[in-house]
Amino acid sequence: MARHLVKLNVNGKDHALVVESTERLLDVLRDRLNLKGVKEGCGTGDCGTCAVIMDGRLVNSCLMLAVQARDKRILTIEGVGTRERLHPVQKALMKYNAAQCGFCIPAMVLAGKNLLDHNPAPSRDDIKQAISGVLCRCTGYYKLIEAIQEAAKEIREVSV
């Protein structure tokens, strides 16, 4: 099997890794970089729990080979906020008690953050579209949508 040198920037830190041709980005992030917030739910791109932000786009890391991520900037949940200073989406999800089992929440936070990075005043339909690729089996989405609306409001107020 062919091996490739892949350089990536993950959560602001540069990494150079030798990967197999068939190695998925999901596996590199979880197993090599120990970023356990990236989850594998289905392995087929249907659930979205493996989502990361790559160069400003939400992507399913289970569908991407590590070599396809060469020279890309990748953001996982571990790179969003800190315990002392949560991102507005994280704070709002807590406020609305929108994280029930928590399995989808890392990807949901990234989906919400990515939307607000590109559109700080999203409509309810914009939010629904942005999170539609992340399957949540617990909440029914209502609280998630409300929380992202609140985070958008906070971000707009801070930037004024």
N, C-alpha and C. Protein backbone atom coordinates (compact mmCIF):
# COMPACT_ATOMS: atom_id res chain seq x y z
N MET A 1 0.84 -1.18 0.00
CA MET A 1 0.00 0.00 0.00
C MET A 1 0.89 1.24 0.00
N ALA A 2 0.50 2.22 -0.77
CA ALA A 2 1.29 3.44 -0.87
C ALA A 2 1.14 4.30 0.39
N ARG A 3 2.24 4.95 0.72
CA ARG A 3 2.25 5.86 1.87
C ARG A 3 2.50 7.27 1.33
N HIS A 4 1.93 8.25 2.03
CA HIS A 4 2.04 9.64 1.59
C HIS A 4 2.34 10.53 2.79
N LEU A 5 3.17 11.54 2.57
CA LEU A 5 3.39 12.56 3.57
C LEU A 5 2.28 13.59 3.42
N VAL A 6 1.56 13.82 4.50
CA VAL A 6 0.45 14.77 4.49
C VAL A 6 0.69 15.80 5.57
N LYS A 7 0.65 17.06 5.17
CA LYS A 7 0.75 18.16 6.13
C LYS A 7 -0.63 18.76 6.28
N LEU A 8 -1.05 18.92 7.54
CA LEU A 8 -2.35 19.52 7.83
C LEU A 8 -2.18 20.51 8.97
N ASN A 9 -3.08 21.47 9.02
CA ASN A 9 -3.17 22.37 10.16
C ASN A 9 -4.47 22.03 10.85
N VAL A 10 -4.37 21.48 12.05
CA VAL A 10 -5.56 21.07 12.80
C VAL A 10 -5.65 21.89 14.07
N ASN A 11 -6.75 22.61 14.18
CA ASN A 11 -6.99 23.47 15.35
C ASN A 11 -5.83 24.43 15.60
N GLY A 12 -5.26 24.93 14.50
CA GLY A 12 -4.19 25.92 14.58
C GLY A 12 -2.80 25.36 14.76
N LYS A 13 -2.67 24.04 14.79
CA LYS A 13 -1.36 23.41 14.97
C LYS A 13 -1.00 22.61 13.73
N ASP A 14 0.24 22.78 13.25
CA ASP A 14 0.70 22.06 12.07
C ASP A 14 1.11 20.64 12.43
N HIS A 15 0.75 19.73 11.52
CA HIS A 15 1.10 18.31 11.68
C HIS A 15 1.63 17.79 10.35
N ALA A 16 2.63 16.95 10.39
CA ALA A 16 3.13 16.23 9.22
C ALA A 16 3.04 14.75 9.56
N LEU A 17 2.26 14.03 8.76
CA LEU A 17 2.00 12.62 9.04
C LEU A 17 2.21 11.79 7.79
N VAL A 18 2.69 10.58 7.96
CA VAL A 18 2.74 9.63 6.86
C VAL A 18 1.49 8.78 6.98
N VAL A 19 0.68 8.78 5.91
CA VAL A 19 -0.60 8.06 5.93
C VAL A 19 -0.67 7.07 4.78
N GLU A 20 -1.47 6.06 4.97
CA GLU A 20 -1.75 5.10 3.90
C GLU A 20 -2.72 5.73 2.90
N SER A 21 -2.70 5.26 1.69
CA SER A 21 -3.58 5.78 0.63
C SER A 21 -5.06 5.68 0.99
N THR A 22 -5.42 4.65 1.72
CA THR A 22 -6.83 4.40 2.04
C THR A 22 -7.26 4.90 3.42
N GLU A 23 -6.36 5.56 4.12
CA GLU A 23 -6.65 6.00 5.48
C GLU A 23 -7.59 7.21 5.46
N ARG A 24 -8.68 7.11 6.22
CA ARG A 24 -9.65 8.20 6.26
C ARG A 24 -9.18 9.33 7.17
N LEU A 25 -9.63 10.54 6.85
CA LEU A 25 -9.34 11.68 7.70
C LEU A 25 -9.88 11.45 9.10
N LEU A 26 -11.06 10.89 9.22
CA LEU A 26 -11.65 10.58 10.52
C LEU A 26 -10.69 9.77 11.39
N ASP A 27 -10.10 8.74 10.83
CA ASP A 27 -9.20 7.87 11.59
C ASP A 27 -7.91 8.59 11.98
N VAL A 28 -7.41 9.42 11.10
CA VAL A 28 -6.20 10.19 11.42
C VAL A 28 -6.49 11.13 12.58
N LEU A 29 -7.62 11.82 12.51
CA LEU A 29 -7.96 12.76 13.58
C LEU A 29 -8.16 12.05 14.91
N ARG A 30 -8.91 10.98 14.92
CA ARG A 30 -9.22 10.26 16.17
C ARG A 30 -8.03 9.45 16.69
N ASP A 31 -7.42 8.65 15.81
CA ASP A 31 -6.43 7.68 16.26
C ASP A 31 -5.01 8.23 16.32
N ARG A 32 -4.68 9.11 15.42
CA ARG A 32 -3.31 9.63 15.40
C ARG A 32 -3.18 10.93 16.20
N LEU A 33 -4.20 11.80 16.10
CA LEU A 33 -4.12 13.09 16.78
C LEU A 33 -4.94 13.12 18.07
N ASN A 34 -5.58 12.01 18.39
CA ASN A 34 -6.33 11.84 19.63
C ASN A 34 -7.44 12.88 19.81
N LEU A 35 -8.10 13.23 18.72
CA LEU A 35 -9.21 14.18 18.76
C LEU A 35 -10.51 13.39 18.77
N LYS A 36 -10.93 13.02 19.95
CA LYS A 36 -12.06 12.11 20.12
C LYS A 36 -13.41 12.79 19.96
N GLY A 37 -13.44 14.11 19.81
CA GLY A 37 -14.70 14.81 19.55
C GLY A 37 -15.24 14.54 18.17
N VAL A 38 -14.39 14.07 17.28
CA VAL A 38 -14.82 13.66 15.94
C VAL A 38 -15.34 12.24 16.09
N LYS A 39 -16.63 12.05 15.86
CA LYS A 39 -17.28 10.76 16.10
C LYS A 39 -17.53 10.00 14.81
N GLU A 40 -17.54 8.69 14.90
CA GLU A 40 -18.00 7.89 13.77
C GLU A 40 -19.34 7.29 14.15
N GLY A 41 -20.36 7.70 13.41
CA GLY A 41 -21.69 7.17 13.65
C GLY A 41 -22.05 6.10 12.65
N CYS A 42 -21.91 6.42 11.37
CA CYS A 42 -22.37 5.49 10.33
C CYS A 42 -21.26 5.05 9.38
N GLY A 43 -20.26 5.89 9.18
CA GLY A 43 -19.18 5.56 8.26
C GLY A 43 -19.56 5.70 6.79
N THR A 44 -20.77 6.21 6.52
CA THR A 44 -21.23 6.36 5.13
C THR A 44 -21.62 7.79 4.79
N GLY A 45 -21.40 8.72 5.70
CA GLY A 45 -21.72 10.13 5.45
C GLY A 45 -23.17 10.49 5.67
N ASP A 46 -23.96 9.58 6.21
CA ASP A 46 -25.38 9.86 6.41
C ASP A 46 -25.70 10.58 7.71
N CYS A 47 -24.91 10.38 8.75
CA CYS A 47 -25.28 10.94 10.07
C CYS A 47 -24.60 12.27 10.37
N GLY A 48 -23.44 12.53 9.80
CA GLY A 48 -22.77 13.81 10.00
C GLY A 48 -22.03 13.97 11.31
N THR A 49 -21.99 12.95 12.16
CA THR A 49 -21.32 13.12 13.45
C THR A 49 -19.80 13.24 13.32
N CYS A 50 -19.28 12.94 12.17
CA CYS A 50 -17.84 13.04 11.94
C CYS A 50 -17.45 14.39 11.32
N ALA A 51 -18.40 15.33 11.27
CA ALA A 51 -18.17 16.60 10.59
C ALA A 51 -17.05 17.41 11.24
N VAL A 52 -16.26 18.03 10.37
CA VAL A 52 -15.22 18.98 10.75
C VAL A 52 -15.32 20.15 9.78
N ILE A 53 -14.73 21.26 10.15
CA ILE A 53 -14.66 22.40 9.23
C ILE A 53 -13.29 22.35 8.56
N MET A 54 -13.29 22.26 7.24
CA MET A 54 -12.05 22.22 6.48
C MET A 54 -12.04 23.40 5.51
N ASP A 55 -11.09 24.29 5.70
CA ASP A 55 -10.99 25.49 4.87
C ASP A 55 -12.33 26.20 4.73
N GLY A 56 -13.05 26.32 5.85
CA GLY A 56 -14.30 27.07 5.86
C GLY A 56 -15.53 26.34 5.37
N ARG A 57 -15.40 25.03 5.18
CA ARG A 57 -16.54 24.21 4.72
C ARG A 57 -16.75 23.04 5.67
N LEU A 58 -18.00 22.77 5.98
CA LEU A 58 -18.31 21.61 6.81
C LEU A 58 -18.22 20.36 5.93
N VAL A 59 -17.40 19.39 6.35
CA VAL A 59 -17.23 18.16 5.57
C VAL A 59 -17.34 16.95 6.50
N ASN A 60 -17.74 15.83 5.95
CA ASN A 60 -17.79 14.57 6.68
C ASN A 60 -16.43 13.90 6.57
N SER A 61 -15.74 13.80 7.69
CA SER A 61 -14.38 13.25 7.67
C SER A 61 -14.36 11.75 7.41
N CYS A 62 -15.50 11.07 7.55
CA CYS A 62 -15.52 9.63 7.25
C CYS A 62 -15.51 9.37 5.74
N LEU A 63 -15.87 10.38 4.97
CA LEU A 63 -15.90 10.23 3.51
C LEU A 63 -14.66 10.78 2.83
N MET A 64 -13.74 11.31 3.60
CA MET A 64 -12.57 11.95 3.04
C MET A 64 -11.31 11.17 3.38
N LEU A 65 -10.52 10.92 2.39
CA LEU A 65 -9.21 10.30 2.64
C LEU A 65 -8.28 11.34 3.23
N ALA A 66 -7.38 10.90 4.07
CA ALA A 66 -6.43 11.83 4.70
C ALA A 66 -5.60 12.56 3.64
N VAL A 67 -5.27 11.89 2.55
CA VAL A 67 -4.48 12.55 1.50
C VAL A 67 -5.26 13.70 0.85
N GLN A 68 -6.57 13.64 0.87
CA GLN A 68 -7.38 14.73 0.32
C GLN A 68 -7.34 15.97 1.20
N ALA A 69 -6.92 15.81 2.44
CA ALA A 69 -6.85 16.93 3.37
C ALA A 69 -5.47 17.58 3.38
N ARG A 70 -4.59 17.13 2.53
CA ARG A 70 -3.23 17.68 2.45
C ARG A 70 -3.28 19.20 2.32
N ASP A 71 -2.49 19.87 3.15
CA ASP A 71 -2.33 21.33 3.14
C ASP A 71 -3.62 22.10 3.47
N LYS A 72 -4.55 21.45 4.15
CA LYS A 72 -5.81 22.09 4.52
C LYS A 72 -5.79 22.53 5.98
N ARG A 73 -6.66 23.50 6.28
CA ARG A 73 -6.90 23.92 7.66
C ARG A 73 -8.15 23.20 8.15
N ILE A 74 -8.01 22.49 9.25
CA ILE A 74 -9.12 21.69 9.77
C ILE A 74 -9.42 22.15 11.19
N LEU A 75 -10.71 22.30 11.46
CA LEU A 75 -11.15 22.66 12.80
C LEU A 75 -12.06 21.56 13.32
N THR A 76 -11.71 21.04 14.49
CA THR A 76 -12.56 20.06 15.18
C THR A 76 -13.13 20.74 16.41
N ILE A 77 -14.03 20.06 17.10
CA ILE A 77 -14.65 20.64 18.30
C ILE A 77 -13.59 21.03 19.33
N GLU A 78 -12.48 20.31 19.37
CA GLU A 78 -11.43 20.61 20.34
C GLU A 78 -10.81 21.99 20.11
N GLY A 79 -10.99 22.54 18.91
CA GLY A 79 -10.44 23.86 18.59
C GLY A 79 -11.46 24.98 18.71
N VAL A 80 -12.66 24.67 19.21
CA VAL A 80 -13.72 25.67 19.34
C VAL A 80 -13.90 26.01 20.81
N GLY A 81 -13.66 27.25 21.17
CA GLY A 81 -13.85 27.68 22.54
C GLY A 81 -12.91 26.97 23.51
N THR A 82 -13.02 27.35 24.77
CA THR A 82 -12.29 26.70 25.86
C THR A 82 -13.26 26.51 27.01
N ARG A 83 -12.85 25.78 28.01
CA ARG A 83 -13.73 25.61 29.18
C ARG A 83 -14.02 26.95 29.84
N GLU A 84 -13.03 27.82 29.82
CA GLU A 84 -13.18 29.13 30.44
C GLU A 84 -13.97 30.10 29.56
N ARG A 85 -13.89 29.91 28.25
CA ARG A 85 -14.54 30.83 27.32
C ARG A 85 -15.15 30.03 26.17
N LEU A 86 -16.39 29.63 26.36
CA LEU A 86 -17.08 28.85 25.35
C LEU A 86 -17.43 29.71 24.14
N HIS A 87 -17.54 29.08 23.01
CA HIS A 87 -18.05 29.75 21.81
C HIS A 87 -19.53 30.03 22.04
N PRO A 88 -20.08 31.09 21.46
CA PRO A 88 -21.50 31.39 21.63
C PRO A 88 -22.44 30.23 21.31
N VAL A 89 -22.13 29.42 20.33
CA VAL A 89 -22.98 28.26 20.02
C VAL A 89 -22.94 27.27 21.17
N GLN A 90 -21.77 27.02 21.74
CA GLN A 90 -21.66 26.11 22.87
C GLN A 90 -22.45 26.63 24.07
N LYS A 91 -22.31 27.92 24.36
CA LYS A 91 -23.04 28.51 25.49
C LYS A 91 -24.54 28.40 25.29
N ALA A 92 -25.00 28.70 24.09
CA ALA A 92 -26.44 28.67 23.82
C ALA A 92 -26.99 27.25 23.89
N LEU A 93 -26.23 26.27 23.42
CA LEU A 93 -26.69 24.88 23.52
C LEU A 93 -26.86 24.47 24.98
N MET A 94 -25.96 24.94 25.83
CA MET A 94 -26.09 24.65 27.26
C MET A 94 -27.32 25.37 27.84
N LYS A 95 -27.48 26.63 27.49
CA LYS A 95 -28.60 27.43 28.01
C LYS A 95 -29.95 26.79 27.65
N TYR A 96 -30.06 26.30 26.43
CA TYR A 96 -31.32 25.71 25.95
C TYR A 96 -31.43 24.22 26.25
N ASN A 97 -30.43 23.69 26.96
CA ASN A 97 -30.40 22.25 27.26
C ASN A 97 -30.61 21.43 25.98
N ALA A 98 -29.90 21.83 24.95
CA ALA A 98 -30.07 21.21 23.63
C ALA A 98 -29.20 19.98 23.43
N ALA A 99 -28.31 19.71 24.36
CA ALA A 99 -27.43 18.54 24.24
C ALA A 99 -27.95 17.44 25.13
N GLN A 100 -28.60 16.47 24.56
CA GLN A 100 -29.14 15.40 25.39
C GLN A 100 -28.12 14.28 25.51
N CYS A 101 -28.05 13.37 24.56
CA CYS A 101 -27.04 12.31 24.70
C CYS A 101 -25.65 12.85 24.42
N GLY A 102 -25.56 13.90 23.60
CA GLY A 102 -24.28 14.55 23.32
C GLY A 102 -23.51 14.00 22.15
N PHE A 103 -23.94 12.89 21.57
CA PHE A 103 -23.15 12.26 20.52
C PHE A 103 -23.01 13.16 19.29
N CYS A 104 -24.08 13.84 18.90
CA CYS A 104 -24.04 14.69 17.70
C CYS A 104 -23.53 16.09 17.99
N ILE A 105 -23.41 16.46 19.25
CA ILE A 105 -23.16 17.85 19.61
C ILE A 105 -21.85 18.41 19.06
N PRO A 106 -20.73 17.69 19.06
CA PRO A 106 -19.54 18.29 18.46
C PRO A 106 -19.78 18.72 17.00
N ALA A 107 -20.39 17.86 16.21
CA ALA A 107 -20.67 18.20 14.81
C ALA A 107 -21.72 19.29 14.71
N MET A 108 -22.71 19.27 15.60
CA MET A 108 -23.75 20.29 15.59
C MET A 108 -23.16 21.67 15.91
N VAL A 109 -22.25 21.73 16.88
CA VAL A 109 -21.58 22.99 17.20
C VAL A 109 -20.80 23.49 15.99
N LEU A 110 -20.08 22.59 15.34
CA LEU A 110 -19.31 22.99 14.16
C LEU A 110 -20.22 23.46 13.03
N ALA A 111 -21.35 22.78 12.84
CA ALA A 111 -22.30 23.20 11.80
C ALA A 111 -22.85 24.59 12.11
N GLY A 112 -23.21 24.82 13.38
CA GLY A 112 -23.70 26.14 13.76
C GLY A 112 -22.64 27.21 13.65
N LYS A 113 -21.43 26.91 14.11
CA LYS A 113 -20.33 27.86 14.02
C LYS A 113 -20.03 28.20 12.57
N ASN A 114 -19.97 27.18 11.73
CA ASN A 114 -19.66 27.40 10.32
C ASN A 114 -20.72 28.29 9.67
N LEU A 115 -21.98 28.05 9.98
CA LEU A 115 -23.05 28.89 9.45
C LEU A 115 -22.85 30.34 9.90
N LEU A 116 -22.63 30.55 11.20
CA LEU A 116 -22.51 31.91 11.72
C LEU A 116 -21.24 32.60 11.25
N ASP A 117 -20.21 31.84 10.94
CA ASP A 117 -19.00 32.43 10.35
C ASP A 117 -19.30 33.05 8.99
N HIS A 118 -20.21 32.43 8.25
CA HIS A 118 -20.54 32.89 6.91
C HIS A 118 -21.78 33.77 6.86
N ASN A 119 -22.66 33.62 7.85
CA ASN A 119 -23.93 34.34 7.86
C ASN A 119 -24.30 34.65 9.31
N PRO A 120 -23.93 35.83 9.81
CA PRO A 120 -24.20 36.14 11.22
C PRO A 120 -25.67 36.44 11.53
N ALA A 121 -26.51 36.53 10.51
CA ALA A 121 -27.94 36.79 10.72
C ALA A 121 -28.78 35.77 9.95
N PRO A 122 -28.64 34.49 10.29
CA PRO A 122 -29.36 33.47 9.52
C PRO A 122 -30.85 33.42 9.86
N SER A 123 -31.63 33.07 8.88
CA SER A 123 -33.05 32.81 9.13
C SER A 123 -33.18 31.43 9.76
N ARG A 124 -34.36 31.14 10.25
CA ARG A 124 -34.64 29.81 10.81
C ARG A 124 -34.40 28.74 9.74
N ASP A 125 -34.81 29.02 8.51
CA ASP A 125 -34.58 28.06 7.42
C ASP A 125 -33.10 27.89 7.12
N ASP A 126 -32.32 28.98 7.22
CA ASP A 126 -30.86 28.87 7.03
C ASP A 126 -30.27 27.93 8.07
N ILE A 127 -30.73 28.06 9.31
CA ILE A 127 -30.21 27.21 10.38
C ILE A 127 -30.61 25.76 10.13
N LYS A 128 -31.85 25.54 9.77
CA LYS A 128 -32.29 24.17 9.48
C LYS A 128 -31.44 23.54 8.38
N GLN A 129 -31.17 24.32 7.34
CA GLN A 129 -30.35 23.82 6.23
C GLN A 129 -28.93 23.51 6.70
N ALA A 130 -28.37 24.40 7.51
CA ALA A 130 -26.98 24.24 7.96
C ALA A 130 -26.79 23.00 8.83
N ILE A 131 -27.79 22.66 9.64
CA ILE A 131 -27.64 21.50 10.53
C ILE A 131 -28.27 20.23 9.97
N SER A 132 -28.83 20.34 8.78
CA SER A 132 -29.55 19.19 8.21
C SER A 132 -28.66 17.98 7.95
N GLY A 133 -27.37 18.18 7.84
CA GLY A 133 -26.46 17.06 7.59
C GLY A 133 -26.02 16.33 8.84
N VAL A 134 -26.47 16.82 10.01
CA VAL A 134 -26.08 16.18 11.28
C VAL A 134 -27.34 15.58 11.91
N LEU A 135 -27.35 14.28 12.00
CA LEU A 135 -28.50 13.57 12.55
C LEU A 135 -28.48 13.61 14.07
N CYS A 136 -29.59 14.08 14.65
CA CYS A 136 -29.77 14.06 16.10
C CYS A 136 -30.93 13.14 16.40
N ARG A 137 -30.69 12.15 17.21
CA ARG A 137 -31.74 11.18 17.51
C ARG A 137 -32.51 11.54 18.79
N CYS A 138 -32.10 12.61 19.48
CA CYS A 138 -32.68 12.91 20.79
C CYS A 138 -33.60 14.13 20.83
N THR A 139 -33.21 15.22 20.22
CA THR A 139 -33.84 16.50 20.55
C THR A 139 -35.01 16.93 19.68
N GLY A 140 -35.13 16.41 18.49
CA GLY A 140 -36.17 16.92 17.60
C GLY A 140 -35.78 18.26 16.98
N TYR A 141 -34.60 18.73 17.22
CA TYR A 141 -33.99 19.91 16.59
C TYR A 141 -34.50 21.25 17.09
N TYR A 142 -35.67 21.33 17.70
CA TYR A 142 -36.23 22.62 18.10
C TYR A 142 -35.26 23.42 18.98
N LYS A 143 -34.75 22.79 20.04
CA LYS A 143 -33.84 23.48 20.94
C LYS A 143 -32.52 23.83 20.26
N LEU A 144 -32.08 22.97 19.35
CA LEU A 144 -30.84 23.25 18.61
C LEU A 144 -31.00 24.50 17.75
N ILE A 145 -32.12 24.61 17.08
CA ILE A 145 -32.38 25.77 16.23
C ILE A 145 -32.47 27.03 17.08
N GLU A 146 -33.20 26.96 18.18
CA GLU A 146 -33.33 28.10 19.08
C GLU A 146 -31.96 28.54 19.61
N ALA A 147 -31.13 27.58 19.97
CA ALA A 147 -29.81 27.88 20.51
C ALA A 147 -28.94 28.57 19.46
N ILE A 148 -28.98 28.12 18.24
CA ILE A 148 -28.17 28.74 17.19
C ILE A 148 -28.68 30.15 16.90
N GLN A 149 -30.00 30.35 16.96
CA GLN A 149 -30.55 31.70 16.80
C GLN A 149 -30.01 32.62 17.91
N GLU A 150 -29.99 32.12 19.13
CA GLU A 150 -29.47 32.91 20.26
C GLU A 150 -27.98 33.21 20.07
N ALA A 151 -27.21 32.23 19.63
CA ALA A 151 -25.78 32.45 19.40
C ALA A 151 -25.57 33.51 18.31
N ALA A 152 -26.39 33.47 17.29
CA ALA A 152 -26.29 34.48 16.22
C ALA A 152 -26.53 35.87 16.79
N LYS A 153 -27.53 35.98 17.62
CA LYS A 153 -27.85 37.27 18.25
C LYS A 153 -26.67 37.75 19.09
N GLU A 154 -26.08 36.86 19.89
CA GLU A 154 -24.92 37.24 20.72
C GLU A 154 -23.75 37.69 19.86
N ILE A 155 -23.48 36.96 18.81
CA ILE A 155 -22.36 37.32 17.92
C ILE A 155 -22.60 38.68 17.29
N ARG A 156 -23.81 38.94 16.86
CA ARG A 156 -24.11 40.25 16.26
C ARG A 156 -23.97 41.37 17.27
N GLU A 157 -24.39 41.14 18.52
CA GLU A 157 -24.30 42.17 19.56
C GLU A 157 -22.84 42.47 19.91
N VAL A 158 -22.01 41.44 19.95
CA VAL A 158 -20.59 41.62 20.26
C VAL A 158 -19.87 42.37 19.16
N SER A 159 -20.26 42.13 17.91
CA SER A 159 -19.54 42.75 16.79
C SER A 159 -20.00 44.19 16.51
N VAL A 160 -21.02 44.66 17.22
CA VAL A 160 -21.48 46.05 17.00
C VAL A 160 -20.60 47.03 17.73
